Amino acid sequence: MVELSDGVVRLAPPVVAEIPQITRACQDPEVSRWTTIPSPYTTDDGEAFVTTTAADGWRAWADGAEDAKPAWAIHTDDELVGMVGLMLQPVRSGEIGYWTAPWARGRGLMQRAVALVVDWGFDASDGPHLDRIVWHALTGNWASWRIVWKHGFRFEGAERLGGVQRGERRDQWSATLLRDDPRSPVDPWPATTITVPQP
C-alpha cells in the first residue's frame, strides 16, 4: 500500500474506522448525481467498498496486476474529505476518478490530491510509470472537469451514451494527460461546443 502527502492533504488506503465518514459523504446528492456509487448508499455499501473493493484493488497492486485499482481516502487535519482512485489498465494507462465530501468543497483539497496521484502515476519510483491517464465524467460535471483541466488534461470529446451509471447509459466527457504534457492548463476552456443534449 502507498501513502502520499503534500503537507496539507494526506492520501492513504481507506480503513474500516472510516466507513461511517464515507457513508455520510455518500449521502450527498451531488456525489450520487455524478458518480457510479450505489444510491441510496448504506453502511453495508461503505463496508463493501473498504473491505472488498479497495482492499482487492491494493492487493492487486501488491501482486503487480496491470489492472489494479489503488484507491485512497483523502485527509486533512485527520478529517476524511474525499476519495481518489487510479484504475490501472494494460500497457501503462490508468483512469482517475474522485469525489469530494460536501463539507470539504471549495478549499482546493481535491486539486492537491489529484496532483499527488498524477505525479505518483507518472513519475514516482514506486509508481506504475504510466504513459497516459484518462478521465471520464458524466456530461455536465463542470466541477470535476475544472480539476483535471487545471492539471493539463486535454479534452478529447463527448461520447453519446458512453458511460454507465447504475445500469443506465449516460453521455460522458473524456480527457487525457500524457506523461510529457504540461501539468497546467493548455487548451481554452471548452464552452457550449462540448455540451451533449440529453435525450
Foldseek 3Di string as FASTA:
>chain_A
DDWDDPPFKIWDQDDPVCLVVVLVQQCDPVNQVKDQQDPVRDSVSSCCCRVPVQVQLVVCVVVVHQQRKHKIFMDGPNDGFWIKIWGGDPPQETEIDMDTRPVPPPPCRVLVVVVRVVCQSCPDPSHPNHFKYKYKIFAPPVVVVVSQQQQAWAWDAKAQQPDDHPHGGTIMTMTMDGNPGHGGHDDPDDDPVRHDDDD
